[in-house]
PDB file of N, CA and C in Angstrom:
ATOM      1  N   UNK A   1     -32.115  -8.005  15.406  1.00  0.00           N
ATOM      2  CA  UNK A   1     -30.672  -8.360  16.082  1.00  0.00           C
ATOM      3  C   UNK A   1     -29.861  -6.851  15.713  1.00  0.00           C
ATOM      4  N   UNK A   2     -29.354  -6.093  17.056  1.00  0.00           N
ATOM      5  CA  UNK A   2     -28.910  -4.731  16.348  1.00  0.00           C
ATOM      6  C   UNK A   2     -27.236  -4.998  16.577  1.00  0.00           C
ATOM      7  N   UNK A   3     -26.716  -4.506  15.868  1.00  0.00           N
ATOM      8  CA  UNK A   3     -25.031  -4.515  15.590  1.00  0.00           C
ATOM      9  C   UNK A   3     -24.383  -2.819  16.535  1.00  0.00           C
ATOM     10  N   UNK A   4     -23.671  -3.049  17.339  1.00  0.00           N
ATOM     11  CA  UNK A   4     -23.409  -1.906  18.007  1.00  0.00           C
ATOM     12  C   UNK A   4     -22.325  -1.344  16.905  1.00  0.00           C
ATOM     13  N   UNK A   5     -22.269  -0.112  16.875  1.00  0.00           N
ATOM     14  CA  UNK A   5     -21.487   0.760  15.925  1.00  0.00           C
ATOM     15  C   UNK A   5     -20.059   0.443  16.089  1.00  0.00           C
ATOM     16  N   UNK A   6     -19.681   0.291  17.327  1.00  0.00           N
ATOM     17  CA  UNK A   6     -18.322   0.008  17.670  1.00  0.00           C
ATOM     18  C   UNK A   6     -17.790  -1.293  17.216  1.00  0.00           C
ATOM     19  N   UNK A   7     -18.734  -2.571  17.257  1.00  0.00           N
ATOM     20  CA  UNK A   7     -18.244  -3.620  16.734  1.00  0.00           C
ATOM     21  C   UNK A   7     -18.105  -3.449  14.912  1.00  0.00           C
ATOM     22  N   UNK A   8     -18.976  -2.683  14.316  1.00  0.00           N
ATOM     23  CA  UNK A   8     -18.942  -2.644  13.343  1.00  0.00           C
ATOM     24  C   UNK A   8     -17.821  -1.924  12.471  1.00  0.00           C
ATOM     25  N   UNK A   9     -17.783  -0.639  13.362  1.00  0.00           N
ATOM     26  CA  UNK A   9     -16.412   0.014  12.684  1.00  0.00           C
ATOM     27  C   UNK A   9     -15.067  -1.170  13.215  1.00  0.00           C
ATOM     28  N   UNK A  10     -15.072  -1.653  14.047  1.00  0.00           N
ATOM     29  CA  UNK A  10     -13.967  -2.756  14.158  1.00  0.00           C
ATOM     30  C   UNK A  10     -13.786  -3.405  13.109  1.00  0.00           C
ATOM     31  N   UNK A  11     -14.807  -4.183  12.790  1.00  0.00           N
ATOM     32  CA  UNK A  11     -14.945  -5.021  11.723  1.00  0.00           C
ATOM     33  C   UNK A  11     -14.420  -4.719  10.427  1.00  0.00           C
ATOM     34  N   UNK A  12     -15.005  -3.530  10.035  1.00  0.00           N
ATOM     35  CA  UNK A  12     -14.796  -2.673   8.667  1.00  0.00           C
ATOM     36  C   UNK A  12     -13.015  -2.550   8.960  1.00  0.00           C
ATOM     37  N   UNK A  13     -12.585  -2.120   9.965  1.00  0.00           N
ATOM     38  CA  UNK A  13     -11.248  -1.761  10.402  1.00  0.00           C
ATOM     39  C   UNK A  13     -10.105  -3.186   9.846  1.00  0.00           C
ATOM     40  N   UNK A  14     -10.704  -4.110  10.418  1.00  0.00           N
ATOM     41  CA  UNK A  14      -9.695  -5.390  10.207  1.00  0.00           C
ATOM     42  C   UNK A  14     -10.072  -5.907   8.960  1.00  0.00           C
ATOM     43  N   UNK A  15     -11.032  -5.903   8.188  1.00  0.00           N
ATOM     44  CA  UNK A  15     -11.472  -6.431   6.592  1.00  0.00           C
ATOM     45  C   UNK A  15     -10.702  -5.226   5.787  1.00  0.00           C
ATOM     46  N   UNK A  16     -10.577  -3.964   6.165  1.00  0.00           N
ATOM     47  CA  UNK A  16      -9.697  -3.230   5.318  1.00  0.00           C
ATOM     48  C   UNK A  16      -8.172  -3.574   5.440  1.00  0.00           C
ATOM     49  N   UNK A  17      -7.560  -3.765   6.638  1.00  0.00           N
ATOM     50  CA  UNK A  17      -6.242  -4.125   7.005  1.00  0.00           C
ATOM     51  C   UNK A  17      -6.030  -5.488   6.138  1.00  0.00           C
ATOM     52  N   UNK A  18      -6.987  -6.587   6.392  1.00  0.00           N
ATOM     53  CA  UNK A  18      -6.464  -7.596   5.653  1.00  0.00           C
ATOM     54  C   UNK A  18      -6.598  -7.665   4.249  1.00  0.00           C
ATOM     55  N   UNK A  19      -7.521  -6.996   3.730  1.00  0.00           N
ATOM     56  CA  UNK A  19      -7.499  -6.823   2.187  1.00  0.00           C
ATOM     57  C   UNK A  19      -6.183  -6.028   1.816  1.00  0.00           C
ATOM     58  N   UNK A  20      -5.895  -5.023   2.759  1.00  0.00           N
ATOM     59  CA  UNK A  20      -4.673  -4.236   2.530  1.00  0.00           C
ATOM     60  C   UNK A  20      -3.215  -5.166   2.508  1.00  0.00           C
ATOM     61  N   UNK A  21      -3.335  -5.954   3.075  1.00  0.00           N
ATOM     62  CA  UNK A  21      -1.999  -6.885   3.252  1.00  0.00           C
ATOM     63  C   UNK A  21      -2.183  -7.718   2.206  1.00  0.00           C
ATOM     64  N   UNK A  22      -3.148  -8.320   1.647  1.00  0.00           N
ATOM     65  CA  UNK A  22      -3.111  -8.825   0.570  1.00  0.00           C
ATOM     66  C   UNK A  22      -3.033  -8.200  -0.890  1.00  0.00           C
ATOM     67  N   UNK A  23      -3.519  -7.436  -0.741  1.00  0.00           N
ATOM     68  CA  UNK A  23      -2.649  -6.386  -1.919  1.00  0.00           C
ATOM     69  C   UNK A  23      -1.321  -6.074  -1.952  1.00  0.00           C
ATOM     70  N   UNK A  24      -1.006  -5.750  -0.693  1.00  0.00           N
ATOM     71  CA  UNK A  24       0.369  -5.697  -0.350  1.00  0.00           C
ATOM     72  C   UNK A  24       1.332  -6.581  -1.095  1.00  0.00           C
ATOM     73  N   UNK A  25       0.855  -8.112  -0.477  1.00  0.00           N
ATOM     74  CA  UNK A  25       1.674  -9.497  -1.115  1.00  0.00           C
ATOM     75  C   UNK A  25       1.630  -9.614  -2.187  1.00  0.00           C
ATOM     76  N   UNK A  26       0.206  -9.254  -3.302  1.00  0.00           N
ATOM     77  CA  UNK A  26       0.650  -9.107  -4.604  1.00  0.00           C
ATOM     78  C   UNK A  26       1.003  -8.612  -5.371  1.00  0.00           C
ATOM     79  N   UNK A  27       1.189  -6.916  -4.907  1.00  0.00           N
ATOM     80  CA  UNK A  27       2.278  -5.744  -5.169  1.00  0.00           C
ATOM     81  C   UNK A  27       3.638  -6.504  -5.224  1.00  0.00           C
ATOM     82  N   UNK A  28       3.894  -6.818  -3.969  1.00  0.00           N
ATOM     83  CA  UNK A  28       5.315  -7.470  -3.730  1.00  0.00           C
ATOM     84  C   UNK A  28       5.898  -8.381  -4.678  1.00  0.00           C
ATOM     85  N   UNK A  29       4.834  -9.438  -4.895  1.00  0.00           N
ATOM     86  CA  UNK A  29       5.153 -10.733  -6.088  1.00  0.00           C
ATOM     87  C   UNK A  29       5.381  -9.958  -7.397  1.00  0.00           C
ATOM     88  N   UNK A  30       4.611  -9.044  -7.683  1.00  0.00           N
ATOM     89  CA  UNK A  30       4.674  -8.482  -8.837  1.00  0.00           C
ATOM     90  C   UNK A  30       5.901  -7.274  -9.246  1.00  0.00           C
ATOM     91  N   UNK A  31       6.175  -6.818  -8.184  1.00  0.00           N
ATOM     92  CA  UNK A  31       7.300  -6.043  -8.694  1.00  0.00           C
ATOM     93  C   UNK A  31       8.897  -6.954  -8.530  1.00  0.00           C
ATOM     94  N   UNK A  32       8.744  -8.073  -7.790  1.00  0.00           N
ATOM     95  CA  UNK A  32      10.026  -8.627  -7.711  1.00  0.00           C
ATOM     96  C   UNK A  32      10.012  -9.385  -9.234  1.00  0.00           C
ATOM     97  N   UNK A  33       8.878  -9.937  -9.738  1.00  0.00           N
ATOM     98  CA  UNK A  33       9.112 -10.363 -10.949  1.00  0.00           C
ATOM     99  C   UNK A  33       9.386  -9.498 -11.989  1.00  0.00           C
ATOM    100  N   UNK A  34       8.690  -8.351 -11.611  1.00  0.00           N
ATOM    101  CA  UNK A  34       9.235  -7.440 -12.761  1.00  0.00           C
ATOM    102  C   UNK A  34      10.585  -6.964 -13.150  1.00  0.00           C
ATOM    103  N   UNK A  35      11.143  -7.017 -11.550  1.00  0.00           N
ATOM    104  CA  UNK A  35      12.563  -6.861 -11.652  1.00  0.00           C
ATOM    105  C   UNK A  35      13.628  -7.940 -12.307  1.00  0.00           C
ATOM    106  N   UNK A  36      12.820  -8.977 -12.012  1.00  0.00           N
ATOM    107  CA  UNK A  36      13.428 -10.485 -12.454  1.00  0.00           C
ATOM    108  C   UNK A  36      13.646 -10.329 -13.997  1.00  0.00           C
ATOM    109  N   UNK A  37      12.548  -9.754 -14.463  1.00  0.00           N
ATOM    110  CA  UNK A  37      12.850  -9.525 -15.980  1.00  0.00           C
ATOM    111  C   UNK A  37      14.237  -9.033 -16.079  1.00  0.00           C
ATOM    112  N   UNK A  38      14.575  -7.904 -15.510  1.00  0.00           N
ATOM    113  CA  UNK A  38      15.579  -7.204 -15.979  1.00  0.00           C
ATOM    114  C   UNK A  38      17.124  -7.742 -15.313  1.00  0.00           C
ATOM    115  N   UNK A  39      16.940  -8.110 -14.440  1.00  0.00           N
ATOM    116  CA  UNK A  39      18.024  -8.364 -13.360  1.00  0.00           C
ATOM    117  C   UNK A  39      17.580  -9.990 -12.997  1.00  0.00           C
ATOM    118  N   UNK A  40      18.549 -10.809 -13.163  1.00  0.00           N
ATOM    119  CA  UNK A  40      18.221 -12.374 -13.040  1.00  0.00           C
ATOM    120  C   UNK A  40      18.080 -12.387 -11.794  1.00  0.00           C
ATOM    121  N   UNK A  41      17.267 -13.038 -11.294  1.00  0.00           N
ATOM    122  CA  UNK A  41      16.965 -13.318  -9.517  1.00  0.00           C
ATOM    123  C   UNK A  41      18.093 -14.020  -8.821  1.00  0.00           C
ATOM    124  N   UNK A  42      18.145 -13.449  -7.477  1.00  0.00           N
ATOM    125  CA  UNK A  42      19.342 -14.026  -6.722  1.00  0.00           C
ATOM    126  C   UNK A  42      20.528 -13.613  -7.336  1.00  0.00           C
ATOM    127  N   UNK A  43      20.582 -12.489  -7.915  1.00  0.00           N
ATOM    128  CA  UNK A  43      21.902 -11.854  -8.524  1.00  0.00           C
ATOM    129  C   UNK A  43      22.637 -10.803  -7.371  1.00  0.00           C
ATOM    130  N   UNK A  44      22.140 -11.174  -6.171  1.00  0.00           N
ATOM    131  CA  UNK A  44      22.708 -10.166  -4.880  1.00  0.00           C
ATOM    132  C   UNK A  44      22.143  -8.942  -4.573  1.00  0.00           C
ATOM    133  N   UNK A  45      23.337  -7.989  -4.256  1.00  0.00           N
ATOM    134  CA  UNK A  45      22.802  -7.103  -3.419  1.00  0.00           C
ATOM    135  C   UNK A  45      22.120  -5.871  -4.771  1.00  0.00           C
ATOM    136  N   UNK A  46      22.326  -5.776  -5.807  1.00  0.00           N
ATOM    137  CA  UNK A  46      22.100  -4.700  -6.565  1.00  0.00           C
ATOM    138  C   UNK A  46      20.792  -5.063  -7.041  1.00  0.00           C
ATOM    139  N   UNK A  47      20.122  -6.362  -7.179  1.00  0.00           N
ATOM    140  CA  UNK A  47      18.519  -6.666  -7.453  1.00  0.00           C
ATOM    141  C   UNK A  47      17.913  -6.114  -6.140  1.00  0.00           C
ATOM    142  N   UNK A  48      18.333  -6.502  -4.936  1.00  0.00           N
ATOM    143  CA  UNK A  48      17.674  -6.183  -3.818  1.00  0.00           C
ATOM    144  C   UNK A  48      17.506  -4.547  -3.404  1.00  0.00           C
ATOM    145  N   UNK A  49      18.669  -3.945  -3.992  1.00  0.00           N
ATOM    146  CA  UNK A  49      18.702  -2.607  -3.753  1.00  0.00           C
ATOM    147  C   UNK A  49      17.803  -1.920  -4.507  1.00  0.00           C
ATOM    148  N   UNK A  50      17.596  -2.457  -6.023  1.00  0.00           N
ATOM    149  CA  UNK A  50      16.944  -1.715  -6.696  1.00  0.00           C
ATOM    150  C   UNK A  50      15.228  -2.053  -6.587  1.00  0.00           C
ATOM    151  N   UNK A  51      15.015  -3.215  -5.744  1.00  0.00           N
ATOM    152  CA  UNK A  51      13.586  -3.509  -5.340  1.00  0.00           C
ATOM    153  C   UNK A  51      13.391  -2.571  -4.624  1.00  0.00           C
ATOM    154  N   UNK A  52      14.384  -2.601  -3.428  1.00  0.00           N
ATOM    155  CA  UNK A  52      14.063  -1.542  -2.147  1.00  0.00           C
ATOM    156  C   UNK A  52      13.728  -0.381  -2.610  1.00  0.00           C
ATOM    157  N   UNK A  53      14.577   0.391  -3.439  1.00  0.00           N
ATOM    158  CA  UNK A  53      14.374   1.562  -3.738  1.00  0.00           C
ATOM    159  C   UNK A  53      12.777   1.902  -4.715  1.00  0.00           C
ATOM    160  N   UNK A  54      12.496   1.146  -5.577  1.00  0.00           N
ATOM    161  CA  UNK A  54      11.302   1.046  -6.018  1.00  0.00           C
ATOM    162  C   UNK A  54      10.090   0.994  -5.267  1.00  0.00           C
ATOM    163  N   UNK A  55      10.135  -0.291  -4.236  1.00  0.00           N
ATOM    164  CA  UNK A  55       9.086  -0.218  -2.979  1.00  0.00           C
ATOM    165  C   UNK A  55       9.092   1.194  -2.477  1.00  0.00           C
ATOM    166  N   UNK A  56      10.349   2.012  -2.091  1.00  0.00           N
ATOM    167  CA  UNK A  56      10.578   2.983  -1.224  1.00  0.00           C
ATOM    168  C   UNK A  56       9.725   4.296  -1.874  1.00  0.00           C
ATOM    169  N   UNK A  57      10.172   4.360  -3.200  1.00  0.00           N
ATOM    170  CA  UNK A  57       9.395   5.229  -4.159  1.00  0.00           C
ATOM    171  C   UNK A  57       7.895   5.302  -4.419  1.00  0.00           C
ATOM    172  N   UNK A  58       7.674   4.073  -4.417  1.00  0.00           N
ATOM    173  CA  UNK A  58       6.088   3.490  -4.835  1.00  0.00           C
ATOM    174  C   UNK A  58       5.397   4.306  -3.162  1.00  0.00           C
ATOM    175  N   UNK A  59       5.870   3.829  -2.162  1.00  0.00           N
ATOM    176  CA  UNK A  59       5.450   4.131  -0.999  1.00  0.00           C
ATOM    177  C   UNK A  59       5.051   5.689  -0.777  1.00  0.00           C
ATOM    178  N   UNK A  60       6.324   6.351  -1.203  1.00  0.00           N
ATOM    179  CA  UNK A  60       6.343   7.613  -0.961  1.00  0.00           C
ATOM    180  C   UNK A  60       5.379   8.203  -2.046  1.00  0.00           C
ATOM    181  N   UNK A  61       5.179   7.762  -2.889  1.00  0.00           N
ATOM    182  CA  UNK A  61       4.175   8.493  -3.778  1.00  0.00           C
ATOM    183  C   UNK A  61       2.834   8.303  -3.510  1.00  0.00           C
ATOM    184  N   UNK A  62       2.406   7.162  -2.879  1.00  0.00           N
ATOM    185  CA  UNK A  62       1.351   6.600  -2.709  1.00  0.00           C
ATOM    186  C   UNK A  62       0.788   7.395  -1.444  1.00  0.00           C
ATOM    187  N   UNK A  63       1.703   7.642  -0.254  1.00  0.00           N
ATOM    188  CA  UNK A  63       0.868   8.414   0.853  1.00  0.00           C
ATOM    189  C   UNK A  63       1.210   9.684   0.225  1.00  0.00           C
ATOM    190  N   UNK A  64       1.928  10.381  -0.433  1.00  0.00           N
ATOM    191  CA  UNK A  64       1.933  11.936  -0.866  1.00  0.00           C
ATOM    192  C   UNK A  64       0.473  11.989  -1.498  1.00  0.00           C
ATOM    193  N   UNK A  65      -0.116  11.000  -2.473  1.00  0.00           N
ATOM    194  CA  UNK A  65      -1.269  11.055  -3.064  1.00  0.00           C
ATOM    195  C   UNK A  65      -2.533  10.930  -2.068  1.00  0.00           C
ATOM    196  N   UNK A  66      -2.363  10.235  -1.047  1.00  0.00           N
ATOM    197  CA  UNK A  66      -3.177   9.928   0.018  1.00  0.00           C
ATOM    198  C   UNK A  66      -3.547  11.660   0.688  1.00  0.00           C
ATOM    199  N   UNK A  67      -2.264  11.952   1.073  1.00  0.00           N
ATOM    200  CA  UNK A  67      -1.986  13.040   2.083  1.00  0.00           C
ATOM    201  C   UNK A  67      -2.564  14.297   1.055  1.00  0.00           C
ATOM    202  N   UNK A  68      -2.471  14.552  -0.351  1.00  0.00           N
ATOM    203  CA  UNK A  68      -3.293  15.286  -1.208  1.00  0.00           C
ATOM    204  C   UNK A  68      -4.686  15.495  -1.162  1.00  0.00           C
ATOM    205  N   UNK A  69      -5.042  14.058  -1.107  1.00  0.00           N
ATOM    206  CA  UNK A  69      -6.311  13.484  -1.198  1.00  0.00           C
ATOM    207  C   UNK A  69      -7.174  14.264  -0.007  1.00  0.00           C
ATOM    208  N   UNK A  70      -6.454  13.962   1.045  1.00  0.00           N
ATOM    209  CA  UNK A  70      -7.119  14.570   2.527  1.00  0.00           C
ATOM    210  C   UNK A  70      -7.030  15.735   2.632  1.00  0.00           C
ATOM    211  N   UNK A  71      -6.213  16.560   2.137  1.00  0.00           N
ATOM    212  CA  UNK A  71      -6.073  17.965   2.025  1.00  0.00           C
ATOM    213  C   UNK A  71      -7.205  18.531   1.516  1.00  0.00           C
ATOM    214  N   UNK A  72      -7.362  17.937   0.154  1.00  0.00           N
ATOM    215  CA  UNK A  72      -8.464  18.478  -0.627  1.00  0.00           C
ATOM    216  C   UNK A  72      -9.734  18.296  -0.081  1.00  0.00           C
ATOM    217  N   UNK A  73      -9.827  17.007   0.343  1.00  0.00           N
ATOM    218  CA  UNK A  73     -11.133  16.690   1.533  1.00  0.00           C
ATOM    219  C   UNK A  73     -11.562  17.485   2.333  1.00  0.00           C
ATOM    220  N   UNK A  74     -10.333  17.986   3.398  1.00  0.00           N
ATOM    221  CA  UNK A  74     -10.636  18.850   4.297  1.00  0.00           C
ATOM    222  C   UNK A  74     -10.928  20.255   3.782  1.00  0.00           C
ATOM    223  N   UNK A  75     -10.216  20.522   2.737  1.00  0.00           N
ATOM    224  CA  UNK A  75     -10.934  22.120   2.344  1.00  0.00           C
ATOM    225  C   UNK A  75     -12.337  22.120   1.666  1.00  0.00           C
ATOM    226  N   UNK A  76     -12.914  20.893   1.150  1.00  0.00           N
ATOM    227  CA  UNK A  76     -14.170  21.043   0.721  1.00  0.00           C
ATOM    228  C   UNK A  76     -14.927  20.759   2.025  1.00  0.00           C
ATOM    229  N   UNK A  77     -14.669  20.432   2.951  1.00  0.00           N
ATOM    230  CA  UNK A  77     -15.617  20.373   4.109  1.00  0.00           C
ATOM    231  C   UNK A  77     -15.820  21.596   4.946  1.00  0.00           C
ATOM    232  N   UNK A  78     -14.582  22.497   4.641  1.00  0.00           N
ATOM    233  CA  UNK A  78     -14.884  23.868   5.637  1.00  0.00           C
ATOM    234  C   UNK A  78     -15.873  24.463   4.817  1.00  0.00           C
ATOM    235  N   UNK A  79     -16.682  25.546   5.623  1.00  0.00           N
ATOM    236  CA  UNK A  79     -17.749  26.506   4.795  1.00  0.00           C
ATOM    237  C   UNK A  79     -16.819  27.705   4.354  1.00  0.00           C
TER     238      UNK A  79
END
């Protein structure tokens, strides 16, 4: 039985997204619990603001690192 490459590519993409969402949920729980150590959970806006800032900084760092990795890969692939 032959599997079409478009089907295989779609399945790989879906699996990647699914595992990415699982990982994001796990990190979300970890960061909330970590902040809860320093600030009592449910203490209002300050805890939520700190959480939002930390998640935003983490996202910026990850996106920047991925961008640098893609740029390095592109430079290596050029003759």
